[in-house]
C-alpha atoms as a PDB file:
ATOM      1  CA  UNK A   1      -0.014   0.282  -0.046  1.00  0.00           C
ATOM      2  CA  UNK A   2       2.571   2.650   1.388  1.00  0.00           C
ATOM      3  CA  UNK A   3       4.754   1.764  -2.632  1.00  0.00           C
ATOM      4  CA  UNK A   4       1.529   2.521  -4.358  1.00  0.00           C
ATOM      5  CA  UNK A   5       1.178   5.988  -2.696  1.00  0.00           C
ATOM      6  CA  UNK A   6       5.286   6.661  -3.134  1.00  0.00           C
ATOM      7  CA  UNK A   7       4.583   5.374  -7.005  1.00  0.00           C
ATOM      8  CA  UNK A   8       1.843   7.852  -7.580  1.00  0.00           C
ATOM      9  CA  UNK A   9       3.728  10.643  -5.444  1.00  0.00           C
ATOM     10  CA  UNK A  10       6.515   9.986  -7.729  1.00  0.00           C
ATOM     11  CA  UNK A  11       4.995  10.088 -10.888  1.00  0.00           C
ATOM     12  CA  UNK A  12       2.820  13.291 -10.343  1.00  0.00           C
ATOM     13  CA  UNK A  13       6.053  14.912  -9.183  1.00  0.00           C
ATOM     14  CA  UNK A  14       7.398  13.967 -12.920  1.00  0.00           C
ATOM     15  CA  UNK A  15       5.045  14.561 -14.247  1.00  0.00           C
ATOM     16  CA  UNK A  16       4.965  18.078 -13.096  1.00  0.00           C
ATOM     17  CA  UNK A  17       8.749  18.812 -13.515  1.00  0.00           C
ATOM     18  CA  UNK A  18       8.480  17.693 -17.361  1.00  0.00           C
ATOM     19  CA  UNK A  19       5.479  20.058 -17.821  1.00  0.00           C
ATOM     20  CA  UNK A  20       6.833  22.935 -16.354  1.00  0.00           C
ATOM     21  CA  UNK A  21      10.224  22.927 -18.683  1.00  0.00           C
ATOM     22  CA  UNK A  22       7.752  23.629 -21.408  1.00  0.00           C
ATOM     23  CA  UNK A  23       6.094  26.335 -20.512  1.00  0.00           C
ATOM     24  CA  UNK A  24       7.141  30.262 -21.226  1.00  0.00           C
ATOM     25  CA  UNK A  25       5.995  34.324 -20.664  1.00  0.00           C
ATOM     26  CA  UNK A  26       3.981  35.152 -23.911  1.00  0.00           C
ATOM     27  CA  UNK A  27       5.972  38.254 -25.386  1.00  0.00           C
ATOM     28  CA  UNK A  28       3.968  41.354 -25.297  1.00  0.00           C
ATOM     29  CA  UNK A  29       4.260  43.312 -28.812  1.00  0.00           C
ATOM     30  CA  UNK A  30       4.214  46.731 -29.070  1.00  0.00           C
ATOM     31  CA  UNK A  31       1.360  49.137 -28.954  1.00  0.00           C
ATOM     32  CA  UNK A  32       1.914  51.403 -31.879  1.00  0.00           C
ATOM     33  CA  UNK A  33      -0.256  54.624 -32.038  1.00  0.00           C
ATOM     34  CA  UNK A  34      -1.133  55.794 -35.937  1.00  0.00           C
ATOM     35  CA  UNK A  35       0.828  58.533 -35.873  1.00  0.00           C
ATOM     36  CA  UNK A  36       4.222  57.986 -36.381  1.00  0.00           C
ATOM     37  CA  UNK A  37       4.899  62.122 -36.220  1.00  0.00           C
ATOM     38  CA  UNK A  38       6.051  60.501 -32.487  1.00  0.00           C
ATOM     39  CA  UNK A  39       8.074  58.262 -33.619  1.00  0.00           C
ATOM     40  CA  UNK A  40      11.366  58.473 -35.981  1.00  0.00           C
ATOM     41  CA  UNK A  41      11.963  55.391 -38.452  1.00  0.00           C
ATOM     42  CA  UNK A  42      15.740  54.279 -38.080  1.00  0.00           C
ATOM     43  CA  UNK A  43      14.861  51.562 -40.822  1.00  0.00           C
ATOM     44  CA  UNK A  44      14.719  47.993 -41.331  1.00  0.00           C
ATOM     45  CA  UNK A  45      16.455  45.420 -39.237  1.00  0.00           C
ATOM     46  CA  UNK A  46      16.873  41.723 -38.385  1.00  0.00           C
ATOM     47  CA  UNK A  47      17.429  39.601 -35.328  1.00  0.00           C
ATOM     48  CA  UNK A  48      17.368  35.547 -34.869  1.00  0.00           C
ATOM     49  CA  UNK A  49      16.561  33.760 -31.615  1.00  0.00           C
ATOM     50  CA  UNK A  50      17.916  30.256 -31.342  1.00  0.00           C
ATOM     51  CA  UNK A  51      16.807  27.393 -29.110  1.00  0.00           C
ATOM     52  CA  UNK A  52      17.532  24.145 -28.778  1.00  0.00           C
ATOM     53  CA  UNK A  53      16.192  20.073 -27.543  1.00  0.00           C
ATOM     54  CA  UNK A  54      18.611  18.138 -26.298  1.00  0.00           C
ATOM     55  CA  UNK A  55      17.807  14.148 -27.047  1.00  0.00           C
ATOM     56  CA  UNK A  56      14.301  15.596 -28.054  1.00  0.00           C
ATOM     57  CA  UNK A  57      13.366  15.703 -24.435  1.00  0.00           C
ATOM     58  CA  UNK A  58      15.404  18.971 -22.848  1.00  0.00           C
ATOM     59  CA  UNK A  59      14.077  22.255 -23.725  1.00  0.00           C
ATOM     60  CA  UNK A  60      17.809  25.020 -23.997  1.00  0.00           C
ATOM     61  CA  UNK A  61      16.255  28.760 -24.656  1.00  0.00           C
ATOM     62  CA  UNK A  62      13.678  27.319 -26.282  1.00  0.00           C
ATOM     63  CA  UNK A  63      10.660  29.777 -24.193  1.00  0.00           C
ATOM     64  CA  UNK A  64      11.931  33.344 -25.441  1.00  0.00           C
ATOM     65  CA  UNK A  65      13.525  32.959 -29.041  1.00  0.00           C
ATOM     66  CA  UNK A  66      10.997  35.284 -30.301  1.00  0.00           C
ATOM     67  CA  UNK A  67      11.623  37.734 -27.792  1.00  0.00           C
ATOM     68  CA  UNK A  68      15.300  37.654 -28.142  1.00  0.00           C
ATOM     69  CA  UNK A  69      15.296  37.952 -31.896  1.00  0.00           C
ATOM     70  CA  UNK A  70      13.145  41.230 -31.597  1.00  0.00           C
ATOM     71  CA  UNK A  71      15.459  42.668 -28.934  1.00  0.00           C
ATOM     72  CA  UNK A  72      18.450  41.963 -31.331  1.00  0.00           C
ATOM     73  CA  UNK A  73      17.064  43.507 -34.222  1.00  0.00           C
ATOM     74  CA  UNK A  74      15.683  46.263 -32.347  1.00  0.00           C
ATOM     75  CA  UNK A  75      19.454  46.927 -30.569  1.00  0.00           C
ATOM     76  CA  UNK A  76      20.654  46.975 -33.984  1.00  0.00           C
ATOM     77  CA  UNK A  77      19.509  49.900 -34.836  1.00  0.00           C
ATOM     78  CA  UNK A  78      19.166  51.588 -31.289  1.00  0.00           C
ATOM     79  CA  UNK A  79      15.599  51.712 -31.294  1.00  0.00           C
ATOM     80  CA  UNK A  80      13.019  51.181 -28.690  1.00  0.00           C
ATOM     81  CA  UNK A  81      10.220  49.495 -30.512  1.00  0.00           C
ATOM     82  CA  UNK A  82       9.672  47.487 -33.873  1.00  0.00           C
ATOM     83  CA  UNK A  83       6.600  47.797 -36.116  1.00  0.00           C
ATOM     84  CA  UNK A  84       5.590  45.483 -39.290  1.00  0.00           C
ATOM     85  CA  UNK A  85       7.381  42.607 -38.144  1.00  0.00           C
ATOM     86  CA  UNK A  86       7.715  39.253 -40.170  1.00  0.00           C
ATOM     87  CA  UNK A  87       8.688  36.140 -38.386  1.00  0.00           C
ATOM     88  CA  UNK A  88      10.202  32.937 -40.615  1.00  0.00           C
ATOM     89  CA  UNK A  89      11.011  29.574 -38.261  1.00  0.00           C
ATOM     90  CA  UNK A  90      13.476  27.248 -39.443  1.00  0.00           C
ATOM     91  CA  UNK A  91      14.468  24.061 -37.423  1.00  0.00           C
ATOM     92  CA  UNK A  92      17.375  21.616 -37.891  1.00  0.00           C
ATOM     93  CA  UNK A  93      17.254  17.957 -36.533  1.00  0.00           C
ATOM     94  CA  UNK A  94      19.697  15.077 -35.519  1.00  0.00           C
ATOM     95  CA  UNK A  95      19.786  12.547 -33.509  1.00  0.00           C
ATOM     96  CA  UNK A  96      20.851  13.661 -30.022  1.00  0.00           C
ATOM     97  CA  UNK A  97      20.329  17.577 -30.856  1.00  0.00           C
ATOM     98  CA  UNK A  98      17.280  19.941 -32.705  1.00  0.00           C
ATOM     99  CA  UNK A  99      17.977  23.337 -33.312  1.00  0.00           C
ATOM    100  CA  UNK A 100      14.833  25.861 -33.758  1.00  0.00           C
ATOM    101  CA  UNK A 101      15.701  29.566 -34.689  1.00  0.00           C
ATOM    102  CA  UNK A 102      13.267  32.206 -35.472  1.00  0.00           C
ATOM    103  CA  UNK A 103      14.091  34.903 -37.199  1.00  0.00           C
ATOM    104  CA  UNK A 104      12.294  38.628 -37.270  1.00  0.00           C
ATOM    105  CA  UNK A 105      12.327  41.235 -40.156  1.00  0.00           C
ATOM    106  CA  UNK A 106      10.823  44.450 -39.352  1.00  0.00           C
ATOM    107  CA  UNK A 107      11.059  48.640 -39.130  1.00  0.00           C
ATOM    108  CA  UNK A 108      13.167  49.448 -35.778  1.00  0.00           C
ATOM    109  CA  UNK A 109      11.219  53.259 -34.516  1.00  0.00           C
ATOM    110  CA  UNK A 110      12.481  55.608 -31.635  1.00  0.00           C
ATOM    111  CA  UNK A 111      10.176  57.200 -29.525  1.00  0.00           C
ATOM    112  CA  UNK A 112      10.844  61.456 -30.056  1.00  0.00           C
END
Protein backbone atom coordinates (compact mmCIF):
# COMPACT_ATOMS: atom_id res chain seq x y z
CA UNK A 1 0.00 0.00 0.00
CA UNK A 2 2.75 2.43 0.96
CA UNK A 3 4.71 1.64 -2.23
CA UNK A 4 1.65 2.53 -4.36
CA UNK A 5 1.38 5.93 -2.69
CA UNK A 6 5.10 6.54 -3.21
CA UNK A 7 4.86 5.48 -6.87
CA UNK A 8 1.93 7.84 -7.46
CA UNK A 9 3.77 10.67 -5.74
CA UNK A 10 6.90 10.11 -7.83
CA UNK A 11 4.81 9.97 -11.02
CA UNK A 12 3.03 13.20 -10.11
CA UNK A 13 6.31 15.00 -9.33
CA UNK A 14 7.81 13.77 -12.61
CA UNK A 15 4.76 14.99 -14.56
CA UNK A 16 4.93 18.41 -12.92
CA UNK A 17 8.68 18.68 -13.58
CA UNK A 18 8.34 17.71 -17.24
CA UNK A 19 5.37 19.97 -17.95
CA UNK A 20 6.82 22.98 -16.13
CA UNK A 21 9.87 22.90 -18.40
CA UNK A 22 7.58 23.53 -21.37
CA UNK A 23 6.04 26.76 -20.14
CA UNK A 24 7.00 30.26 -21.10
CA UNK A 25 5.93 33.85 -20.73
CA UNK A 26 3.91 35.31 -23.63
CA UNK A 27 5.74 38.07 -25.49
CA UNK A 28 3.77 41.32 -25.46
CA UNK A 29 4.06 43.10 -28.78
CA UNK A 30 4.43 46.87 -28.73
CA UNK A 31 1.37 48.97 -29.37
CA UNK A 32 2.22 51.88 -31.63
CA UNK A 33 -0.07 54.86 -32.03
CA UNK A 34 -1.28 55.47 -35.59
CA UNK A 35 0.39 58.89 -35.50
CA UNK A 36 3.91 58.08 -36.68
CA UNK A 37 4.93 61.73 -36.27
CA UNK A 38 5.66 60.80 -32.63
CA UNK A 39 8.27 58.29 -33.77
CA UNK A 40 11.50 58.41 -35.73
CA UNK A 41 11.79 55.58 -38.23
CA UNK A 42 15.31 54.13 -37.98
CA UNK A 43 14.92 51.60 -40.79
CA UNK A 44 14.70 47.87 -41.41
CA UNK A 45 16.40 45.39 -39.10
CA UNK A 46 16.66 41.64 -38.59
CA UNK A 47 17.30 39.50 -35.54
CA UNK A 48 17.52 35.82 -34.73
CA UNK A 49 16.70 33.76 -31.66
CA UNK A 50 17.74 30.15 -31.41
CA UNK A 51 16.75 27.31 -29.09
CA UNK A 52 17.73 23.67 -28.78
CA UNK A 53 16.26 20.38 -27.69
CA UNK A 54 18.82 17.91 -26.34
CA UNK A 55 17.77 14.29 -26.88
CA UNK A 56 14.39 15.72 -27.97
CA UNK A 57 13.31 16.16 -24.34
CA UNK A 58 15.58 18.75 -22.68
CA UNK A 59 14.76 22.31 -23.80
CA UNK A 60 17.58 24.86 -23.89
CA UNK A 61 16.64 28.51 -24.62
CA UNK A 62 13.38 27.44 -26.26
CA UNK A 63 10.82 29.61 -24.53
CA UNK A 64 11.86 33.14 -25.45
CA UNK A 65 13.32 32.80 -28.95
CA UNK A 66 11.06 35.42 -30.52
CA UNK A 67 11.64 37.90 -27.71
CA UNK A 68 15.42 37.56 -28.09
CA UNK A 69 15.18 37.92 -31.87
CA UNK A 70 13.11 41.12 -31.63
CA UNK A 71 15.39 42.59 -28.96
CA UNK A 72 18.48 41.89 -31.10
CA UNK A 73 16.87 43.60 -34.09
CA UNK A 74 15.88 46.65 -32.03
CA UNK A 75 19.33 46.92 -30.46
CA UNK A 76 21.01 46.70 -33.87
CA UNK A 77 19.45 50.07 -34.78
CA UNK A 78 19.40 51.61 -31.30
CA UNK A 79 15.61 51.93 -31.28
CA UNK A 80 12.78 51.48 -28.81
CA UNK A 81 10.21 49.37 -30.64
CA UNK A 82 9.69 47.36 -33.82
CA UNK A 83 6.75 47.56 -36.23
CA UNK A 84 5.74 45.65 -39.37
CA UNK A 85 7.22 42.45 -37.96
CA UNK A 86 7.60 39.35 -40.09
CA UNK A 87 8.53 36.04 -38.44
CA UNK A 88 10.08 32.98 -40.05
CA UNK A 89 10.99 29.78 -38.24
CA UNK A 90 13.43 27.12 -39.35
CA UNK A 91 14.74 24.00 -37.69
CA UNK A 92 17.45 21.38 -37.90
CA UNK A 93 17.09 17.87 -36.59
CA UNK A 94 19.80 15.41 -35.54
CA UNK A 95 19.70 12.35 -33.34
CA UNK A 96 20.91 14.04 -30.17
CA UNK A 97 20.22 17.73 -30.82
CA UNK A 98 17.43 19.67 -32.50
CA UNK A 99 17.89 23.35 -33.30
CA UNK A 100 15.02 25.80 -33.78
CA UNK A 101 15.63 29.32 -35.11
CA UNK A 102 13.27 32.28 -35.30
CA UNK A 103 14.19 35.08 -37.70
CA UNK A 104 12.36 38.39 -37.44
CA UNK A 105 12.45 41.34 -39.82
CA UNK A 106 10.73 44.64 -39.38
CA UNK A 107 11.08 48.38 -39.05
CA UNK A 108 12.73 49.78 -35.95
CA UNK A 109 11.40 53.04 -34.53
CA UNK A 110 12.47 55.38 -31.74
CA UNK A 111 10.12 57.55 -29.69
CA UNK A 112 10.70 61.29 -30.15
